[in-house]
N, C-alpha and C. Protein backbone atom coordinates (compact mmCIF):
# COMPACT_ATOMS: atom_id res chain seq x y z
N MET A 1 104.76 76.27 56.03
CA MET A 1 103.48 75.89 56.61
C MET A 1 103.28 76.75 57.86
N SER A 2 102.12 77.31 58.00
CA SER A 2 101.85 78.19 59.14
C SER A 2 101.52 77.37 60.39
N ARG A 3 101.59 78.02 61.52
CA ARG A 3 101.25 77.39 62.79
C ARG A 3 99.80 76.90 62.75
N GLU A 4 98.91 77.69 62.14
CA GLU A 4 97.50 77.31 62.06
C GLU A 4 97.33 76.04 61.23
N GLU A 5 98.09 75.92 60.13
CA GLU A 5 98.00 74.71 59.30
C GLU A 5 98.50 73.48 60.07
N LEU A 6 99.59 73.65 60.80
CA LEU A 6 100.09 72.53 61.61
C LEU A 6 99.07 72.12 62.67
N ASP A 7 98.46 73.11 63.31
CA ASP A 7 97.44 72.80 64.33
C ASP A 7 96.22 72.14 63.70
N ARG A 8 95.82 72.57 62.51
CA ARG A 8 94.68 71.95 61.82
C ARG A 8 94.98 70.49 61.52
N LEU A 9 96.18 70.21 61.02
CA LEU A 9 96.56 68.82 60.73
C LEU A 9 96.61 68.00 62.01
N TRP A 10 97.11 68.59 63.08
CA TRP A 10 97.23 67.87 64.34
C TRP A 10 95.85 67.54 64.91
N ARG A 11 94.88 68.45 64.72
CA ARG A 11 93.53 68.23 65.26
C ARG A 11 92.69 67.28 64.40
N ASP A 12 93.09 67.01 63.19
CA ASP A 12 92.31 66.16 62.28
C ASP A 12 92.22 64.74 62.86
N PRO A 13 91.03 64.27 63.19
CA PRO A 13 90.89 62.94 63.81
C PRO A 13 91.31 61.81 62.87
N ARG A 14 91.32 62.06 61.56
CA ARG A 14 91.75 61.01 60.62
C ARG A 14 93.24 60.71 60.73
N CYS A 15 93.98 61.61 61.35
CA CYS A 15 95.43 61.43 61.49
C CYS A 15 95.81 60.65 62.75
N TRP A 16 94.84 60.27 63.54
CA TRP A 16 95.11 59.57 64.80
C TRP A 16 94.42 58.23 64.83
N SER A 17 95.14 57.20 65.26
CA SER A 17 94.51 55.89 65.44
C SER A 17 93.82 55.89 66.80
N PRO A 18 92.96 54.91 67.04
CA PRO A 18 92.28 54.83 68.35
C PRO A 18 93.26 54.66 69.52
N ILE A 19 94.45 54.14 69.26
CA ILE A 19 95.41 53.95 70.35
C ILE A 19 96.45 55.08 70.41
N GLY A 20 96.22 56.15 69.66
CA GLY A 20 97.07 57.33 69.76
C GLY A 20 98.27 57.39 68.84
N ILE A 21 98.28 56.56 67.81
CA ILE A 21 99.37 56.62 66.84
C ILE A 21 99.05 57.70 65.81
N HIS A 22 100.01 58.59 65.59
CA HIS A 22 99.82 59.70 64.65
C HIS A 22 100.37 59.29 63.29
N ARG A 23 99.56 59.50 62.25
CA ARG A 23 99.97 59.19 60.88
C ARG A 23 99.35 60.23 59.98
N CYS A 24 100.15 61.26 59.62
CA CYS A 24 99.65 62.36 58.80
C CYS A 24 100.71 62.73 57.77
N PRO A 25 100.57 62.27 56.52
CA PRO A 25 101.57 62.57 55.49
C PRO A 25 101.73 64.06 55.21
N ALA A 26 100.71 64.86 55.43
CA ALA A 26 100.80 66.29 55.15
C ALA A 26 101.56 67.05 56.22
N ASP A 27 101.71 66.47 57.40
CA ASP A 27 102.43 67.12 58.50
C ASP A 27 103.92 66.87 58.32
N PRO A 28 104.73 67.94 58.16
CA PRO A 28 106.16 67.75 57.92
C PRO A 28 106.96 67.34 59.15
N ARG A 29 106.35 67.40 60.32
CA ARG A 29 107.07 67.07 61.56
C ARG A 29 107.18 65.56 61.73
N VAL A 30 108.30 65.13 62.27
CA VAL A 30 108.50 63.72 62.61
C VAL A 30 108.01 63.46 64.03
N ILE A 31 108.25 64.42 64.91
CA ILE A 31 107.81 64.32 66.31
C ILE A 31 106.71 65.35 66.53
N VAL A 32 105.57 64.90 67.04
CA VAL A 32 104.42 65.78 67.25
C VAL A 32 103.92 65.63 68.69
N PRO A 33 103.24 66.66 69.21
CA PRO A 33 102.65 66.52 70.54
C PRO A 33 101.57 65.43 70.53
N LYS A 34 101.45 64.73 71.64
CA LYS A 34 100.37 63.74 71.75
C LYS A 34 99.03 64.45 71.82
N ARG A 35 97.96 63.69 71.67
CA ARG A 35 96.62 64.27 71.73
C ARG A 35 96.41 65.03 73.04
N ALA A 36 96.83 64.43 74.13
CA ALA A 36 96.85 65.13 75.41
C ALA A 36 98.23 65.78 75.49
N ARG A 37 98.31 67.06 75.15
CA ARG A 37 99.62 67.73 74.99
C ARG A 37 100.50 67.61 76.23
N TRP A 38 99.90 67.52 77.41
CA TRP A 38 100.69 67.41 78.64
C TRP A 38 101.40 66.07 78.74
N ALA A 39 101.01 65.09 77.89
CA ALA A 39 101.55 63.74 77.98
C ALA A 39 102.86 63.55 77.20
N GLY A 40 103.34 64.59 76.53
CA GLY A 40 104.61 64.46 75.83
C GLY A 40 104.44 64.45 74.32
N TRP A 41 105.22 63.60 73.66
CA TRP A 41 105.26 63.60 72.20
C TRP A 41 105.10 62.19 71.68
N THR A 42 104.81 62.13 70.39
CA THR A 42 104.74 60.85 69.69
C THR A 42 105.36 61.05 68.32
N LEU A 43 105.51 59.98 67.60
CA LEU A 43 106.10 60.05 66.26
C LEU A 43 105.02 60.07 65.20
N ASN A 44 105.29 60.77 64.10
CA ASN A 44 104.40 60.79 62.94
C ASN A 44 104.85 59.66 62.02
N PHE A 45 104.18 58.53 62.10
CA PHE A 45 104.60 57.34 61.37
C PHE A 45 104.36 57.42 59.87
N ALA A 46 103.85 58.53 59.37
CA ALA A 46 103.70 58.73 57.94
C ALA A 46 104.98 59.30 57.32
N ARG A 47 105.92 59.73 58.14
CA ARG A 47 107.16 60.32 57.65
C ARG A 47 108.22 59.24 57.51
N PRO A 48 108.94 59.21 56.39
CA PRO A 48 109.99 58.19 56.20
C PRO A 48 111.12 58.29 57.23
N ALA A 49 111.34 59.49 57.75
CA ALA A 49 112.45 59.69 58.70
C ALA A 49 112.14 59.17 60.10
N VAL A 50 110.95 58.63 60.32
CA VAL A 50 110.57 58.20 61.66
C VAL A 50 111.46 57.06 62.17
N TRP A 51 111.84 56.14 61.31
CA TRP A 51 112.62 54.98 61.77
C TRP A 51 114.03 55.37 62.19
N PRO A 52 114.77 56.19 61.41
CA PRO A 52 116.07 56.64 61.92
C PRO A 52 115.94 57.48 63.20
N VAL A 53 114.88 58.29 63.30
CA VAL A 53 114.68 59.10 64.50
C VAL A 53 114.40 58.20 65.70
N LEU A 54 113.60 57.18 65.51
CA LEU A 54 113.30 56.24 66.60
C LEU A 54 114.57 55.52 67.06
N LEU A 55 115.35 55.02 66.12
CA LEU A 55 116.60 54.35 66.47
C LEU A 55 117.57 55.32 67.13
N GLY A 56 117.70 56.52 66.57
CA GLY A 56 118.59 57.53 67.16
C GLY A 56 118.17 57.91 68.56
N SER A 57 116.86 58.01 68.79
CA SER A 57 116.36 58.34 70.12
C SER A 57 116.73 57.26 71.14
N LEU A 58 116.57 56.03 70.74
CA LEU A 58 116.94 54.93 71.63
C LEU A 58 118.43 54.93 71.93
N LEU A 59 119.24 55.17 70.89
CA LEU A 59 120.69 55.23 71.09
C LEU A 59 121.09 56.41 71.96
N LEU A 60 120.44 57.55 71.76
CA LEU A 60 120.76 58.74 72.54
C LEU A 60 120.36 58.56 74.00
N ALA A 61 119.23 57.90 74.23
CA ALA A 61 118.76 57.71 75.60
C ALA A 61 119.60 56.68 76.35
N ALA A 62 119.96 55.60 75.70
CA ALA A 62 120.63 54.50 76.40
C ALA A 62 122.13 54.39 76.11
N GLY A 63 122.54 54.84 74.95
CA GLY A 63 123.93 54.65 74.51
C GLY A 63 124.99 55.18 75.46
N PRO A 64 124.92 56.44 75.88
CA PRO A 64 125.96 56.95 76.77
C PRO A 64 126.06 56.17 78.09
N THR A 65 124.92 55.78 78.63
CA THR A 65 124.94 55.02 79.89
C THR A 65 125.58 53.65 79.67
N VAL A 66 125.24 53.00 78.58
CA VAL A 66 125.83 51.70 78.28
C VAL A 66 127.35 51.84 78.12
N LEU A 67 127.80 52.90 77.43
CA LEU A 67 129.24 53.11 77.26
C LEU A 67 129.94 53.35 78.59
N VAL A 68 129.32 54.14 79.46
CA VAL A 68 129.90 54.41 80.78
C VAL A 68 130.01 53.12 81.59
N ILE A 69 128.97 52.32 81.56
CA ILE A 69 128.98 51.06 82.33
C ILE A 69 130.01 50.08 81.74
N MET A 70 130.08 50.02 80.41
CA MET A 70 131.02 49.10 79.76
C MET A 70 132.47 49.52 79.96
N SER A 71 132.70 50.79 80.25
CA SER A 71 134.07 51.26 80.48
C SER A 71 134.66 50.67 81.75
N GLY A 72 133.81 50.21 82.64
CA GLY A 72 134.27 49.60 83.88
C GLY A 72 134.56 50.62 84.96
N ARG A 73 134.38 51.90 84.68
CA ARG A 73 134.68 52.93 85.67
C ARG A 73 133.40 53.59 86.18
N ALA A 74 132.29 52.99 85.90
CA ALA A 74 131.00 53.60 86.27
C ALA A 74 130.71 53.42 87.75
N THR A 75 130.26 54.50 88.33
CA THR A 75 129.71 54.45 89.68
C THR A 75 128.20 54.56 89.53
N PRO A 76 127.45 54.17 90.53
CA PRO A 76 125.99 54.33 90.41
C PRO A 76 125.60 55.78 90.16
N LEU A 77 126.26 56.72 90.81
CA LEU A 77 125.95 58.13 90.60
C LEU A 77 126.32 58.57 89.18
N GLY A 78 127.48 58.13 88.71
CA GLY A 78 127.90 58.48 87.35
C GLY A 78 126.95 57.94 86.30
N ALA A 79 126.51 56.71 86.45
CA ALA A 79 125.57 56.12 85.50
C ALA A 79 124.23 56.84 85.54
N THR A 80 123.79 57.20 86.75
CA THR A 80 122.53 57.92 86.89
C THR A 80 122.61 59.30 86.24
N LEU A 81 123.69 60.02 86.50
CA LEU A 81 123.85 61.35 85.90
C LEU A 81 123.98 61.28 84.38
N THR A 82 124.64 60.26 83.88
CA THR A 82 124.74 60.08 82.43
C THR A 82 123.37 59.83 81.83
N THR A 83 122.58 58.98 82.46
CA THR A 83 121.23 58.71 81.97
C THR A 83 120.38 59.96 82.02
N LEU A 84 120.43 60.70 83.12
CA LEU A 84 119.66 61.94 83.23
C LEU A 84 120.05 62.94 82.15
N GLY A 85 121.33 63.08 81.89
CA GLY A 85 121.79 63.99 80.85
C GLY A 85 121.30 63.57 79.47
N SER A 86 121.38 62.30 79.17
CA SER A 86 120.93 61.79 77.88
C SER A 86 119.44 61.99 77.67
N VAL A 87 118.67 61.66 78.68
CA VAL A 87 117.22 61.80 78.58
C VAL A 87 116.82 63.27 78.51
N THR A 88 117.50 64.13 79.26
CA THR A 88 117.22 65.57 79.20
C THR A 88 117.48 66.11 77.80
N LEU A 89 118.57 65.72 77.19
CA LEU A 89 118.87 66.14 75.82
C LEU A 89 117.81 65.63 74.85
N LEU A 90 117.39 64.40 75.01
CA LEU A 90 116.37 63.82 74.14
C LEU A 90 115.04 64.56 74.29
N VAL A 91 114.66 64.89 75.51
CA VAL A 91 113.42 65.64 75.76
C VAL A 91 113.50 67.02 75.12
N ALA A 92 114.63 67.70 75.27
CA ALA A 92 114.79 69.03 74.68
C ALA A 92 114.71 68.98 73.16
N LEU A 93 115.36 68.00 72.54
CA LEU A 93 115.29 67.86 71.08
C LEU A 93 113.87 67.52 70.62
N SER A 94 113.18 66.69 71.37
CA SER A 94 111.80 66.33 71.02
C SER A 94 110.88 67.54 71.12
N ALA A 95 111.05 68.34 72.16
CA ALA A 95 110.23 69.54 72.32
C ALA A 95 110.46 70.50 71.17
N TRP A 96 111.71 70.67 70.76
CA TRP A 96 112.03 71.56 69.65
C TRP A 96 111.41 71.05 68.35
N GLU A 97 111.54 69.76 68.08
CA GLU A 97 110.98 69.20 66.85
C GLU A 97 109.46 69.27 66.85
N ALA A 98 108.83 68.97 67.98
CA ALA A 98 107.38 68.97 68.06
C ALA A 98 106.80 70.38 67.97
N SER A 99 107.58 71.38 68.31
CA SER A 99 107.07 72.76 68.26
C SER A 99 106.78 73.20 66.84
N GLY A 100 107.42 72.58 65.87
CA GLY A 100 107.18 72.94 64.48
C GLY A 100 107.79 74.28 64.09
N SER A 101 108.66 74.82 64.94
CA SER A 101 109.22 76.15 64.66
C SER A 101 110.04 76.16 63.37
N ARG A 102 110.57 75.03 62.96
CA ARG A 102 111.32 74.98 61.71
C ARG A 102 110.41 75.08 60.50
N PHE A 103 109.14 74.76 60.66
CA PHE A 103 108.23 74.67 59.52
C PHE A 103 107.29 75.84 59.39
N THR A 104 107.22 76.69 60.39
CA THR A 104 106.28 77.81 60.34
C THR A 104 106.91 79.03 59.72
N ARG A 105 106.09 79.79 59.05
CA ARG A 105 106.56 81.03 58.42
C ARG A 105 106.40 82.18 59.35
């Protein structure tokens, strides 16, 4: 799928609900830019893989911090740095997925 095709699908108003939920079966991406691209990303709820991605995102964002705190050796700085690292990784993965670079020719 070309970049132009992905952009055409993304701009199609039928693929967006009034509250900003994206649902486009023709779009192969699971994570897509929001309508206001500066606002981040959203999920394409027409893709079957959205639920494992949503659960994985939650685990990636919170899991390491929970493990550090449960270990009993967490300091406030350590927990903060763990959270920042997890969220940074999640943002980087979301940006890569939303770019559609895997799907363009």
